[in-house]
């Protein structure tokens, strides 16, 4: 096992509820309603996809640029107060690092939002960080994970990805990585080279190594 890649929203940190809070507030500003069912459509997607979907649902004439700014400002402001890590995430991250295995954070969120999360989680716990600003195509395209592998100079087939969304799992699989999936808002089925667990508390470094073997 040459490296481990952590997704951020819903996997490393419990931020999906923050996204729902900000999305609901922005949609109210547009005069429209927003529900958890709407949010499900956007899990693991990019900001551009979120903005387009929210404009389509609301029918608003607000420009995509303005809506994008509202979303970013809302998320960063909210995350300044800190964000809670998902159960088992901090312990697994520390265990991987103690083994001397490089770790990367790979997220579809913009760098501003990732930076706000990392202030709470600790930027120095990651050897590389890949955000939506660092790629031309976000998940489910494999580019984010291929970029992380290139930064760490490792082979994707010798890496394990930790994900919570079907988009993220698709990206990791297309990159050739093994996957541990912890489904959040959408179900994920087991598959060859993929372990599905209810929580990271059930995952250890030997668990990760076994997927490579």
Foldseek 3Di string as FASTA:
>chain_A
DQEEEEEPDPFFFPCLVVLQVLLQVLLVVLVHGDDVVLSLVQPQHALLVVLVSSCVRSVGPDDSVVSSVSSLVSLLVVLLVPTGTFPQNLVQLVQCVVVVHAYEYFYAYDPSNVVSHCVRVPPVSHPYYHYVVNDPDGFVALVRVVVVCVSSVHQLLQYEYEEADPRVVNNSVVSNHQYEYQHDSDDDDDDQSYHYDPGNVPDHPVNRNVSSD
